[in-house]
Amino acid sequence: GREEGREEGREEGREEGREEGREEGREEGREEGREEGREEGRHEERLETAKLMISEGFSDDVIVKMTKISRQELGELKNV
């Protein structure tokens, strides 16, 4: 009777909680993916700006300061 009903209710509650947790996890994953994509896009744009600055003769110090890319990345761009 009652005990069976309580157990059934608990199980339903646990299942609802698990589903909510899965949905929250999926949404967090999607948001993290979007943020990673935006960051990757910003980085690509900084690299393109650095390439332009190289072609215009800017100094390494100025390129690193303005684009916030590493000296290693700058060296790799210059060797391409």
PDB file of N, CA and C in Angstrom:
ATOM      1  N   GLY A   1       0.791  -1.186   0.000  1.00  0.00           N
ATOM      2  CA  GLY A   1       0.000   0.000   0.000  1.00  0.00           C
ATOM      3  C   GLY A   1       0.844   1.266   0.000  1.00  0.00           C
ATOM      4  N   ARG A   2       0.824   1.886   1.171  1.00  0.00           N
ATOM      5  CA  ARG A   2       1.492   3.194   1.265  1.00  0.00           C
ATOM      6  C   ARG A   2       2.985   3.113   0.984  1.00  0.00           C
ATOM      7  N   GLU A   3       3.615   2.130   1.564  1.00  0.00           N
ATOM      8  CA  GLU A   3       5.067   1.998   1.392  1.00  0.00           C
ATOM      9  C   GLU A   3       5.409   1.805  -0.070  1.00  0.00           C
ATOM     10  N   GLU A   4       4.647   1.036  -0.790  1.00  0.00           N
ATOM     11  CA  GLU A   4       4.883   0.849  -2.227  1.00  0.00           C
ATOM     12  C   GLU A   4       4.708   2.168  -2.964  1.00  0.00           C
ATOM     13  N   GLY A   5       3.706   2.921  -2.576  1.00  0.00           N
ATOM     14  CA  GLY A   5       3.464   4.223  -3.199  1.00  0.00           C
ATOM     15  C   GLY A   5       4.609   5.193  -2.957  1.00  0.00           C
ATOM     16  N   ARG A   6       5.102   5.193  -1.701  1.00  0.00           N
ATOM     17  CA  ARG A   6       6.233   6.072  -1.384  1.00  0.00           C
ATOM     18  C   ARG A   6       7.455   5.698  -2.211  1.00  0.00           C
ATOM     19  N   GLU A   7       7.733   4.411  -2.272  1.00  0.00           N
ATOM     20  CA  GLU A   7       8.904   3.950  -3.030  1.00  0.00           C
ATOM     21  C   GLU A   7       8.757   4.321  -4.500  1.00  0.00           C
ATOM     22  N   GLU A   8       7.557   4.158  -5.029  1.00  0.00           N
ATOM     23  CA  GLU A   8       7.308   4.524  -6.431  1.00  0.00           C
ATOM     24  C   GLU A   8       7.524   6.027  -6.635  1.00  0.00           C
ATOM     25  N   GLY A   9       7.059   6.810  -5.687  1.00  0.00           N
ATOM     26  CA  GLY A   9       7.240   8.262  -5.764  1.00  0.00           C
ATOM     27  C   GLY A   9       8.708   8.659  -5.691  1.00  0.00           C
ATOM     28  N   ARG A  10       9.435   7.990  -4.797  1.00  0.00           N
ATOM     29  CA  ARG A  10      10.868   8.278  -4.695  1.00  0.00           C
ATOM     30  C   ARG A  10      11.579   7.964  -6.003  1.00  0.00           C
ATOM     31  N   GLU A  11      11.243   6.812  -6.584  1.00  0.00           N
ATOM     32  CA  GLU A  11      11.893   6.410  -7.836  1.00  0.00           C
ATOM     33  C   GLU A  11      11.573   7.420  -8.943  1.00  0.00           C
ATOM     34  N   GLU A  12      10.320   7.857  -9.016  1.00  0.00           N
ATOM     35  CA  GLU A  12       9.944   8.873 -10.020  1.00  0.00           C
ATOM     36  C   GLU A  12      10.737  10.156  -9.786  1.00  0.00           C
ATOM     37  N   GLY A  13      10.876  10.556  -8.538  1.00  0.00           N
ATOM     38  CA  GLY A  13      11.633  11.767  -8.207  1.00  0.00           C
ATOM     39  C   GLY A  13      13.093  11.647  -8.594  1.00  0.00           C
ATOM     40  N   ARG A  14      13.670  10.468  -8.304  1.00  0.00           N
ATOM     41  CA  ARG A  14      15.072  10.266  -8.684  1.00  0.00           C
ATOM     42  C   ARG A  14      15.231  10.331 -10.198  1.00  0.00           C
ATOM     43  N   GLU A  15      14.304   9.709 -10.927  1.00  0.00           N
ATOM     44  CA  GLU A  15      14.401   9.713 -12.391  1.00  0.00           C
ATOM     45  C   GLU A  15      14.261  11.146 -12.932  1.00  0.00           C
ATOM     46  N   GLU A  16      13.332  11.915 -12.369  1.00  0.00           N
ATOM     47  CA  GLU A  16      13.187  13.318 -12.789  1.00  0.00           C
ATOM     48  C   GLU A  16      14.474  14.091 -12.510  1.00  0.00           C
ATOM     49  N   GLY A  17      15.063  13.851 -11.350  1.00  0.00           N
ATOM     50  CA  GLY A  17      16.311  14.536 -10.996  1.00  0.00           C
ATOM     51  C   GLY A  17      17.441  14.168 -11.940  1.00  0.00           C
ATOM     52  N   ARG A  18      17.528  12.887 -12.281  1.00  0.00           N
ATOM     53  CA  ARG A  18      18.568  12.462 -13.218  1.00  0.00           C
ATOM     54  C   ARG A  18      18.372  13.127 -14.575  1.00  0.00           C
ATOM     55  N   GLU A  19      17.122  13.180 -15.042  1.00  0.00           N
ATOM     56  CA  GLU A  19      16.851  13.793 -16.348  1.00  0.00           C
ATOM     57  C   GLU A  19      17.183  15.284 -16.321  1.00  0.00           C
ATOM     58  N   GLU A  20      16.812  15.957 -15.230  1.00  0.00           N
ATOM     59  CA  GLU A  20      17.158  17.386 -15.105  1.00  0.00           C
ATOM     60  C   GLU A  20      18.665  17.573 -15.128  1.00  0.00           C
ATOM     61  N   GLY A  21      19.367  16.708 -14.422  1.00  0.00           N
ATOM     62  CA  GLY A  21      20.833  16.795 -14.389  1.00  0.00           C
ATOM     63  C   GLY A  21      21.431  16.569 -15.761  1.00  0.00           C
ATOM     64  N   ARG A  22      20.911  15.598 -16.494  1.00  0.00           N
ATOM     65  CA  ARG A  22      21.418  15.352 -17.850  1.00  0.00           C
ATOM     66  C   ARG A  22      21.174  16.559 -18.747  1.00  0.00           C
ATOM     67  N   GLU A  23      19.983  17.149 -18.646  1.00  0.00           N
ATOM     68  CA  GLU A  23      19.664  18.312 -19.487  1.00  0.00           C
ATOM     69  C   GLU A  23      20.570  19.493 -19.137  1.00  0.00           C
ATOM     70  N   GLU A  24      20.781  19.717 -17.842  1.00  0.00           N
ATOM     71  CA  GLU A  24      21.684  20.801 -17.429  1.00  0.00           C
ATOM     72  C   GLU A  24      23.090  20.543 -17.959  1.00  0.00           C
ATOM     73  N   GLY A  25      23.535  19.307 -17.889  1.00  0.00           N
ATOM     74  CA  GLY A  25      24.867  18.956 -18.400  1.00  0.00           C
ATOM     75  C   GLY A  25      24.979  19.195 -19.893  1.00  0.00           C
ATOM     76  N   ARG A  26      23.933  18.823 -20.625  1.00  0.00           N
ATOM     77  CA  ARG A  26      23.961  19.058 -22.077  1.00  0.00           C
ATOM     78  C   ARG A  26      24.017  20.548 -22.387  1.00  0.00           C
ATOM     79  N   GLU A  27      23.236  21.344 -21.663  1.00  0.00           N
ATOM     80  CA  GLU A  27      23.227  22.793 -21.901  1.00  0.00           C
ATOM     81  C   GLU A  27      24.584  23.398 -21.559  1.00  0.00           C
ATOM     82  N   GLU A  28      25.177  22.965 -20.450  1.00  0.00           N
ATOM     83  CA  GLU A  28      26.508  23.465 -20.100  1.00  0.00           C
ATOM     84  C   GLU A  28      27.521  23.092 -21.176  1.00  0.00           C
ATOM     85  N   GLY A  29      27.423  21.889 -21.686  1.00  0.00           N
ATOM     86  CA  GLY A  29      28.332  21.452 -22.747  1.00  0.00           C
ATOM     87  C   GLY A  29      28.171  22.284 -24.000  1.00  0.00           C
ATOM     88  N   ARG A  30      26.930  22.573 -24.364  1.00  0.00           N
ATOM     89  CA  ARG A  30      26.697  23.407 -25.549  1.00  0.00           C
ATOM     90  C   ARG A  30      27.273  24.800 -25.352  1.00  0.00           C
ATOM     91  N   GLU A  31      27.069  25.372 -24.155  1.00  0.00           N
ATOM     92  CA  GLU A  31      27.591  26.719 -23.880  1.00  0.00           C
ATOM     93  C   GLU A  31      29.114  26.723 -23.909  1.00  0.00           C
ATOM     94  N   GLU A  32      29.730  25.696 -23.314  1.00  0.00           N
ATOM     95  CA  GLU A  32      31.194  25.620 -23.348  1.00  0.00           C
ATOM     96  C   GLU A  32      31.684  25.514 -24.789  1.00  0.00           C
ATOM     97  N   GLY A  33      30.996  24.742 -25.599  1.00  0.00           N
ATOM     98  CA  GLY A  33      31.381  24.606 -27.008  1.00  0.00           C
ATOM     99  C   GLY A  33      31.272  25.926 -27.747  1.00  0.00           C
ATOM    100  N   ARG A  34      30.190  26.658 -27.486  1.00  0.00           N
ATOM    101  CA  ARG A  34      30.031  27.966 -28.137  1.00  0.00           C
ATOM    102  C   ARG A  34      31.151  28.911 -27.712  1.00  0.00           C
ATOM    103  N   GLU A  35      31.471  28.914 -26.416  1.00  0.00           N
ATOM    104  CA  GLU A  35      32.529  29.807 -25.917  1.00  0.00           C
ATOM    105  C   GLU A  35      33.879  29.431 -26.513  1.00  0.00           C
ATOM    106  N   GLU A  36      34.159  28.136 -26.597  1.00  0.00           N
ATOM    107  CA  GLU A  36      35.418  27.709 -27.207  1.00  0.00           C
ATOM    108  C   GLU A  36      35.479  28.152 -28.669  1.00  0.00           C
ATOM    109  N   GLY A  37      34.367  28.050 -29.365  1.00  0.00           N
ATOM    110  CA  GLY A  37      34.329  28.482 -30.764  1.00  0.00           C
ATOM    111  C   GLY A  37      34.567  29.976 -30.901  1.00  0.00           C
ATOM    112  N   ARG A  38      33.962  30.755 -30.007  1.00  0.00           N
ATOM    113  CA  ARG A  38      34.177  32.213 -30.052  1.00  0.00           C
ATOM    114  C   ARG A  38      35.638  32.542 -29.782  1.00  0.00           C
ATOM    115  N   GLU A  39      36.217  31.884 -28.779  1.00  0.00           N
ATOM    116  CA  GLU A  39      37.622  32.145 -28.443  1.00  0.00           C
ATOM    117  C   GLU A  39      38.530  31.751 -29.603  1.00  0.00           C
ATOM    118  N   GLU A  40      38.234  30.623 -30.222  1.00  0.00           N
ATOM    119  CA  GLU A  40      39.032  30.186 -31.370  1.00  0.00           C
ATOM    120  C   GLU A  40      38.944  31.213 -32.501  1.00  0.00           C
ATOM    121  N   GLY A  41      37.757  31.744 -32.722  1.00  0.00           N
ATOM    122  CA  GLY A  41      37.575  32.761 -33.753  1.00  0.00           C
ATOM    123  C   GLY A  41      38.360  34.032 -33.446  1.00  0.00           C
ATOM    124  N   ARG A  42      38.340  34.432 -32.186  1.00  0.00           N
ATOM    125  CA  ARG A  42      39.101  35.631 -31.793  1.00  0.00           C
ATOM    126  C   ARG A  42      40.596  35.399 -32.000  1.00  0.00           C
ATOM    127  N   HIS A  43      41.055  34.205 -31.666  1.00  0.00           N
ATOM    128  CA  HIS A  43      42.477  33.899 -31.823  1.00  0.00           C
ATOM    129  C   HIS A  43      42.860  33.919 -33.304  1.00  0.00           C
ATOM    130  N   GLU A  44      42.019  33.337 -34.144  1.00  0.00           N
ATOM    131  CA  GLU A  44      42.288  33.349 -35.584  1.00  0.00           C
ATOM    132  C   GLU A  44      42.377  34.782 -36.100  1.00  0.00           C
ATOM    133  N   GLU A  45      41.499  35.633 -35.608  1.00  0.00           N
ATOM    134  CA  GLU A  45      41.522  37.036 -36.039  1.00  0.00           C
ATOM    135  C   GLU A  45      42.818  37.722 -35.587  1.00  0.00           C
ATOM    136  N   ARG A  46      43.279  37.406 -34.361  1.00  0.00           N
ATOM    137  CA  ARG A  46      44.544  37.991 -33.894  1.00  0.00           C
ATOM    138  C   ARG A  46      45.701  37.536 -34.775  1.00  0.00           C
ATOM    139  N   LEU A  47      45.683  36.266 -35.193  1.00  0.00           N
ATOM    140  CA  LEU A  47      46.745  35.760 -36.072  1.00  0.00           C
ATOM    141  C   LEU A  47      46.705  36.470 -37.430  1.00  0.00           C
ATOM    142  N   GLU A  48      45.508  36.682 -37.956  1.00  0.00           N
ATOM    143  CA  GLU A  48      45.383  37.388 -39.243  1.00  0.00           C
ATOM    144  C   GLU A  48      45.888  38.824 -39.119  1.00  0.00           C
ATOM    145  N   THR A  49      45.575  39.472 -38.001  1.00  0.00           N
ATOM    146  CA  THR A  49      46.069  40.830 -37.769  1.00  0.00           C
ATOM    147  C   THR A  49      47.588  40.837 -37.691  1.00  0.00           C
ATOM    148  N   ALA A  50      48.153  39.842 -37.008  1.00  0.00           N
ATOM    149  CA  ALA A  50      49.611  39.747 -36.897  1.00  0.00           C
ATOM    150  C   ALA A  50      50.249  39.561 -38.271  1.00  0.00           C
ATOM    151  N   LYS A  51      49.639  38.737 -39.117  1.00  0.00           N
ATOM    152  CA  LYS A  51      50.168  38.541 -40.476  1.00  0.00           C
ATOM    153  C   LYS A  51      50.188  39.860 -41.241  1.00  0.00           C
ATOM    154  N   LEU A  52      49.130  40.613 -41.113  1.00  0.00           N
ATOM    155  CA  LEU A  52      49.064  41.913 -41.780  1.00  0.00           C
ATOM    156  C   LEU A  52      50.144  42.849 -41.237  1.00  0.00           C
ATOM    157  N   MET A  53      50.306  42.850 -39.929  1.00  0.00           N
ATOM    158  CA  MET A  53      51.317  43.715 -39.313  1.00  0.00           C
ATOM    159  C   MET A  53      52.724  43.305 -39.751  1.00  0.00           C
ATOM    160  N   ILE A  54      52.973  42.002 -39.895  1.00  0.00           N
ATOM    161  CA  ILE A  54      54.270  41.529 -40.390  1.00  0.00           C
ATOM    162  C   ILE A  54      54.500  42.092 -41.791  1.00  0.00           C
ATOM    163  N   SER A  55      53.474  41.975 -42.623  1.00  0.00           N
ATOM    164  CA  SER A  55      53.630  42.436 -44.010  1.00  0.00           C
ATOM    165  C   SER A  55      53.811  43.948 -44.092  1.00  0.00           C
ATOM    166  N   GLU A  56      53.338  44.665 -43.093  1.00  0.00           N
ATOM    167  CA  GLU A  56      53.474  46.123 -43.069  1.00  0.00           C
ATOM    168  C   GLU A  56      54.755  46.565 -42.367  1.00  0.00           C
ATOM    169  N   GLY A  57      55.541  45.606 -41.857  1.00  0.00           N
ATOM    170  CA  GLY A  57      56.839  45.934 -41.286  1.00  0.00           C
ATOM    171  C   GLY A  57      56.851  46.336 -39.827  1.00  0.00           C
ATOM    172  N   PHE A  58      55.787  46.040 -39.092  1.00  0.00           N
ATOM    173  CA  PHE A  58      55.775  46.365 -37.664  1.00  0.00           C
ATOM    174  C   PHE A  58      56.823  45.528 -36.936  1.00  0.00           C
ATOM    175  N   SER A  59      57.343  46.059 -35.844  1.00  0.00           N
ATOM    176  CA  SER A  59      58.339  45.316 -35.060  1.00  0.00           C
ATOM    177  C   SER A  59      57.655  44.179 -34.307  1.00  0.00           C
ATOM    178  N   ASP A  60      58.459  43.169 -33.976  1.00  0.00           N
ATOM    179  CA  ASP A  60      57.930  42.033 -33.216  1.00  0.00           C
ATOM    180  C   ASP A  60      57.305  42.491 -31.904  1.00  0.00           C
ATOM    181  N   ASP A  61      57.971  43.421 -31.211  1.00  0.00           N
ATOM    182  CA  ASP A  61      57.457  43.900 -29.927  1.00  0.00           C
ATOM    183  C   ASP A  61      56.064  44.510 -30.080  1.00  0.00           C
ATOM    184  N   VAL A  62      55.884  45.309 -31.101  1.00  0.00           N
ATOM    185  CA  VAL A  62      54.592  45.963 -31.320  1.00  0.00           C
ATOM    186  C   VAL A  62      53.528  44.913 -31.686  1.00  0.00           C
ATOM    187  N   ILE A  63      53.884  43.961 -32.526  1.00  0.00           N
ATOM    188  CA  ILE A  63      52.923  42.926 -32.936  1.00  0.00           C
ATOM    189  C   ILE A  63      52.469  42.114 -31.729  1.00  0.00           C
ATOM    190  N   VAL A  64      53.422  41.689 -30.908  1.00  0.00           N
ATOM    191  CA  VAL A  64      53.081  40.896 -29.723  1.00  0.00           C
ATOM    192  C   VAL A  64      52.206  41.714 -28.774  1.00  0.00           C
ATOM    193  N   LYS A  65      52.559  42.963 -28.579  1.00  0.00           N
ATOM    194  CA  LYS A  65      51.798  43.817 -27.664  1.00  0.00           C
ATOM    195  C   LYS A  65      50.381  44.059 -28.179  1.00  0.00           C
ATOM    196  N   MET A  66      50.237  44.345 -29.455  1.00  0.00           N
ATOM    197  CA  MET A  66      48.929  44.706 -29.996  1.00  0.00           C
ATOM    198  C   MET A  66      48.011  43.502 -30.226  1.00  0.00           C
ATOM    199  N   THR A  67      48.567  42.368 -30.606  1.00  0.00           N
ATOM    200  CA  THR A  67      47.718  41.214 -30.919  1.00  0.00           C
ATOM    201  C   THR A  67      47.589  40.233 -29.758  1.00  0.00           C
ATOM    202  N   LYS A  68      48.491  40.361 -28.774  1.00  0.00           N
ATOM    203  CA  LYS A  68      48.509  39.466 -27.620  1.00  0.00           C
ATOM    204  C   LYS A  68      48.756  38.006 -28.015  1.00  0.00           C
ATOM    205  N   ILE A  69      49.461  37.787 -29.123  1.00  0.00           N
ATOM    206  CA  ILE A  69      49.894  36.433 -29.462  1.00  0.00           C
ATOM    207  C   ILE A  69      51.269  36.220 -28.843  1.00  0.00           C
ATOM    208  N   SER A  70      51.672  34.984 -28.708  1.00  0.00           N
ATOM    209  CA  SER A  70      52.975  34.700 -28.105  1.00  0.00           C
ATOM    210  C   SER A  70      54.090  34.935 -29.128  1.00  0.00           C
ATOM    211  N   ARG A  71      55.286  35.109 -28.617  1.00  0.00           N
ATOM    212  CA  ARG A  71      56.443  35.256 -29.511  1.00  0.00           C
ATOM    213  C   ARG A  71      56.632  33.980 -30.334  1.00  0.00           C
ATOM    214  N   GLN A  72      56.334  32.838 -29.731  1.00  0.00           N
ATOM    215  CA  GLN A  72      56.447  31.587 -30.460  1.00  0.00           C
ATOM    216  C   GLN A  72      55.476  31.571 -31.658  1.00  0.00           C
ATOM    217  N   GLU A  73      54.231  31.990 -31.425  1.00  0.00           N
ATOM    218  CA  GLU A  73      53.267  32.035 -32.527  1.00  0.00           C
ATOM    219  C   GLU A  73      53.728  33.015 -33.601  1.00  0.00           C
ATOM    220  N   LEU A  74      54.288  34.149 -33.175  1.00  0.00           N
ATOM    221  CA  LEU A  74      54.789  35.117 -34.135  1.00  0.00           C
ATOM    222  C   LEU A  74      55.892  34.508 -34.974  1.00  0.00           C
ATOM    223  N   GLY A  75      56.805  33.800 -34.320  1.00  0.00           N
ATOM    224  CA  GLY A  75      57.893  33.141 -35.055  1.00  0.00           C
ATOM    225  C   GLY A  75      57.354  32.135 -36.045  1.00  0.00           C
ATOM    226  N   GLU A  76      56.335  31.383 -35.642  1.00  0.00           N
ATOM    227  CA  GLU A  76      55.730  30.398 -36.550  1.00  0.00           C
ATOM    228  C   GLU A  76      55.086  31.093 -37.742  1.00  0.00           C
ATOM    229  N   LEU A  77      54.431  32.229 -37.508  1.00  0.00           N
ATOM    230  CA  LEU A  77      53.815  32.966 -38.620  1.00  0.00           C
ATOM    231  C   LEU A  77      54.867  33.473 -39.598  1.00  0.00           C
ATOM    232  N   LYS A  78      55.989  33.897 -39.055  1.00  0.00           N
ATOM    233  CA  LYS A  78      57.047  34.439 -39.920  1.00  0.00           C
ATOM    234  C   LYS A  78      57.721  33.328 -40.734  1.00  0.00           C
ATOM    235  N   ASN A  79      57.700  32.096 -40.252  1.00  0.00           N
ATOM    236  CA  ASN A  79      58.351  30.983 -40.938  1.00  0.00           C
ATOM    237  C   ASN A  79      57.434  30.287 -41.938  1.00  0.00           C
ATOM    238  N   VAL A  80      56.235  30.742 -42.054  1.00  0.00           N
ATOM    239  CA  VAL A  80      55.293  30.091 -42.995  1.00  0.00           C
ATOM    240  C   VAL A  80      55.455  30.646 -44.379  1.00  0.00           C
TER     241      VAL A  80
END
